[in-house]
N, C-alpha and C. Protein backbone atom coordinates (compact mmCIF):
# COMPACT_ATOMS: atom_id res chain seq x y z
N MET A 1 319.59 22.06 -110.39
CA MET A 1 319.05 22.01 -109.05
C MET A 1 317.52 21.87 -109.15
N MET A 2 316.96 21.02 -108.30
CA MET A 2 315.51 20.79 -108.33
C MET A 2 314.80 21.79 -107.43
N THR A 3 313.60 22.17 -107.85
CA THR A 3 312.77 23.04 -107.02
C THR A 3 312.12 22.20 -105.92
N GLY A 4 311.51 22.87 -104.96
CA GLY A 4 310.82 22.15 -103.89
C GLY A 4 309.72 21.25 -104.41
N ALA A 5 308.98 21.75 -105.41
CA ALA A 5 307.89 20.96 -105.99
C ALA A 5 308.43 19.72 -106.70
N GLN A 6 309.54 19.88 -107.42
CA GLN A 6 310.13 18.74 -108.11
C GLN A 6 310.64 17.70 -107.11
N THR A 7 311.17 18.18 -106.00
CA THR A 7 311.65 17.26 -104.96
C THR A 7 310.49 16.46 -104.39
N LEU A 8 309.36 17.14 -104.11
CA LEU A 8 308.19 16.44 -103.58
C LEU A 8 307.65 15.41 -104.57
N VAL A 9 307.66 15.77 -105.85
CA VAL A 9 307.20 14.82 -106.87
C VAL A 9 308.11 13.60 -106.89
N ALA A 10 309.41 13.82 -106.82
CA ALA A 10 310.36 12.70 -106.84
C ALA A 10 310.15 11.80 -105.62
N ILE A 11 309.92 12.39 -104.47
CA ILE A 11 309.68 11.60 -103.25
C ILE A 11 308.37 10.83 -103.37
N ALA A 12 307.33 11.51 -103.85
CA ALA A 12 306.01 10.87 -103.97
C ALA A 12 306.06 9.68 -104.92
N GLN A 13 306.86 9.78 -105.99
CA GLN A 13 306.95 8.69 -106.95
C GLN A 13 307.64 7.47 -106.35
N GLN A 14 308.43 7.67 -105.32
CA GLN A 14 309.12 6.55 -104.68
C GLN A 14 308.27 5.89 -103.61
N GLN A 15 307.20 6.55 -103.18
CA GLN A 15 306.35 6.03 -102.11
C GLN A 15 305.33 5.07 -102.69
N PRO A 16 305.15 3.91 -102.05
CA PRO A 16 304.11 2.99 -102.53
C PRO A 16 302.73 3.52 -102.19
N VAL A 17 301.81 3.35 -103.11
CA VAL A 17 300.42 3.70 -102.86
C VAL A 17 299.71 2.43 -102.46
N ALA A 18 299.08 2.44 -101.32
CA ALA A 18 298.42 1.24 -100.82
C ALA A 18 297.16 0.96 -101.62
N ALA A 19 296.99 -0.28 -101.99
CA ALA A 19 295.76 -0.69 -102.67
C ALA A 19 295.53 -2.16 -102.39
N ALA A 20 294.37 -2.50 -101.96
CA ALA A 20 294.04 -3.90 -101.69
C ALA A 20 292.82 -4.27 -102.50
N THR A 21 292.83 -5.48 -103.00
CA THR A 21 291.65 -6.00 -103.69
C THR A 21 291.06 -7.08 -102.80
N ASN A 22 290.06 -7.77 -103.29
CA ASN A 22 289.47 -8.80 -102.46
C ASN A 22 290.40 -9.99 -102.25
N SER A 23 291.53 -10.03 -102.93
CA SER A 23 292.49 -11.11 -102.71
C SER A 23 293.55 -10.73 -101.67
N LEU A 24 293.64 -9.45 -101.32
CA LEU A 24 294.59 -8.99 -100.32
C LEU A 24 293.84 -8.40 -99.14
N THR A 25 294.27 -8.72 -97.93
CA THR A 25 293.59 -8.15 -96.77
C THR A 25 294.52 -7.29 -95.93
N GLU A 26 295.79 -7.21 -96.28
CA GLU A 26 296.72 -6.40 -95.50
C GLU A 26 297.73 -5.75 -96.44
N VAL A 27 297.87 -4.42 -96.33
CA VAL A 27 298.82 -3.68 -97.15
C VAL A 27 299.47 -2.61 -96.30
N ALA A 28 300.56 -2.03 -96.80
CA ALA A 28 301.20 -0.91 -96.11
C ALA A 28 300.92 0.36 -96.89
N ASN A 29 300.64 1.44 -96.18
CA ASN A 29 300.40 2.71 -96.85
C ASN A 29 301.72 3.42 -97.13
N ALA A 30 301.66 4.64 -97.63
CA ALA A 30 302.86 5.38 -98.02
C ALA A 30 303.77 5.68 -96.83
N PHE A 31 303.22 5.62 -95.61
CA PHE A 31 304.03 5.89 -94.43
C PHE A 31 304.52 4.60 -93.77
N GLY A 32 304.27 3.46 -94.40
CA GLY A 32 304.72 2.19 -93.85
C GLY A 32 303.78 1.62 -92.80
N GLU A 33 302.63 2.25 -92.58
CA GLU A 33 301.67 1.74 -91.60
C GLU A 33 300.88 0.60 -92.24
N THR A 34 300.59 -0.42 -91.46
CA THR A 34 299.83 -1.55 -91.98
C THR A 34 298.35 -1.23 -91.96
N LEU A 35 297.70 -1.47 -93.08
CA LEU A 35 296.25 -1.30 -93.19
C LEU A 35 295.63 -2.67 -93.41
N ARG A 36 294.61 -2.98 -92.66
CA ARG A 36 293.96 -4.28 -92.79
C ARG A 36 292.51 -4.09 -93.20
N ALA A 37 292.05 -4.94 -94.09
CA ALA A 37 290.64 -4.93 -94.47
C ALA A 37 289.86 -5.75 -93.45
N PHE A 38 288.63 -5.35 -93.19
CA PHE A 38 287.79 -6.08 -92.24
C PHE A 38 287.42 -7.46 -92.79
N ASN A 39 287.19 -7.53 -94.09
CA ASN A 39 286.90 -8.81 -94.73
C ASN A 39 287.30 -8.70 -96.20
N ASP A 40 287.06 -9.75 -96.95
CA ASP A 40 287.51 -9.77 -98.34
C ASP A 40 286.68 -8.89 -99.26
N ASN A 41 285.61 -8.28 -98.77
CA ASN A 41 284.77 -7.43 -99.60
C ASN A 41 285.12 -5.96 -99.49
N ILE A 42 286.20 -5.64 -98.80
CA ILE A 42 286.59 -4.25 -98.61
C ILE A 42 287.95 -4.01 -99.26
N SER A 43 288.07 -2.93 -100.00
CA SER A 43 289.36 -2.55 -100.57
C SER A 43 289.86 -1.30 -99.87
N ILE A 44 291.17 -1.18 -99.76
CA ILE A 44 291.78 -0.02 -99.13
C ILE A 44 292.58 0.71 -100.20
N ILE A 45 292.26 1.98 -100.40
CA ILE A 45 292.97 2.79 -101.40
C ILE A 45 293.39 4.06 -100.71
N GLU A 46 294.67 4.36 -100.73
CA GLU A 46 295.15 5.59 -100.09
C GLU A 46 295.75 6.51 -101.14
N ALA A 47 295.38 7.75 -101.08
CA ALA A 47 295.92 8.75 -102.00
C ALA A 47 297.35 9.11 -101.59
N SER A 48 298.06 9.77 -102.47
CA SER A 48 299.41 10.23 -102.18
C SER A 48 299.41 11.16 -100.98
N PRO A 49 300.42 11.08 -100.11
CA PRO A 49 300.49 12.00 -98.98
C PRO A 49 300.83 13.42 -99.40
N PHE A 50 301.15 13.61 -100.68
CA PHE A 50 301.48 14.93 -101.19
C PHE A 50 300.34 15.43 -102.05
N PRO A 51 299.48 16.29 -101.53
CA PRO A 51 298.32 16.74 -102.30
C PRO A 51 298.72 17.57 -103.51
N THR A 52 297.88 17.53 -104.53
CA THR A 52 298.13 18.34 -105.72
C THR A 52 297.42 19.67 -105.58
N ALA A 53 297.79 20.61 -106.42
CA ALA A 53 297.19 21.94 -106.35
C ALA A 53 295.78 21.95 -106.93
N THR A 54 295.45 20.95 -107.73
CA THR A 54 294.15 20.98 -108.42
C THR A 54 293.06 20.20 -107.69
N THR A 55 293.42 19.10 -107.06
CA THR A 55 292.40 18.25 -106.45
C THR A 55 292.81 17.86 -105.04
N PRO A 56 292.00 18.17 -104.05
CA PRO A 56 292.32 17.69 -102.70
C PRO A 56 292.09 16.18 -102.64
N ARG A 57 292.96 15.49 -101.94
CA ARG A 57 292.85 14.04 -101.86
C ARG A 57 292.81 13.61 -100.40
N SER A 58 292.15 12.52 -100.17
CA SER A 58 292.09 11.95 -98.83
C SER A 58 292.04 10.44 -98.97
N PRO A 59 292.44 9.71 -97.92
CA PRO A 59 292.35 8.25 -97.98
C PRO A 59 290.90 7.82 -98.23
N LYS A 60 290.74 6.75 -98.99
CA LYS A 60 289.40 6.27 -99.32
C LYS A 60 289.30 4.79 -99.00
N ILE A 61 288.17 4.38 -98.50
CA ILE A 61 287.89 2.96 -98.28
C ILE A 61 286.64 2.63 -99.07
N GLY A 62 286.73 1.64 -99.93
CA GLY A 62 285.58 1.28 -100.75
C GLY A 62 285.13 -0.14 -100.46
N ILE A 63 283.88 -0.41 -100.68
CA ILE A 63 283.33 -1.75 -100.49
C ILE A 63 283.11 -2.37 -101.86
N LEU A 64 283.70 -3.53 -102.05
CA LEU A 64 283.56 -4.24 -103.32
C LEU A 64 282.34 -5.13 -103.25
N ARG A 65 281.53 -5.11 -104.28
CA ARG A 65 280.34 -5.96 -104.32
C ARG A 65 280.45 -6.91 -105.49
N GLU A 66 280.00 -8.11 -105.26
CA GLU A 66 280.05 -9.12 -106.32
C GLU A 66 278.79 -9.10 -107.14
């Protein structure tokens, strides 16, 4: 039998982590919501919806520079 923590890990591993590079402008996050970049110089990176005990995580948006 799996513990609650093991169950959450198993679920988190099945969830896609959204990541866009300058070649992608639209992605889906772990909840299936569509995320769009404003232009090709912005990347969208979303952390797992299941936080770890060691590091708090939050969605991040970064700007790519050439």
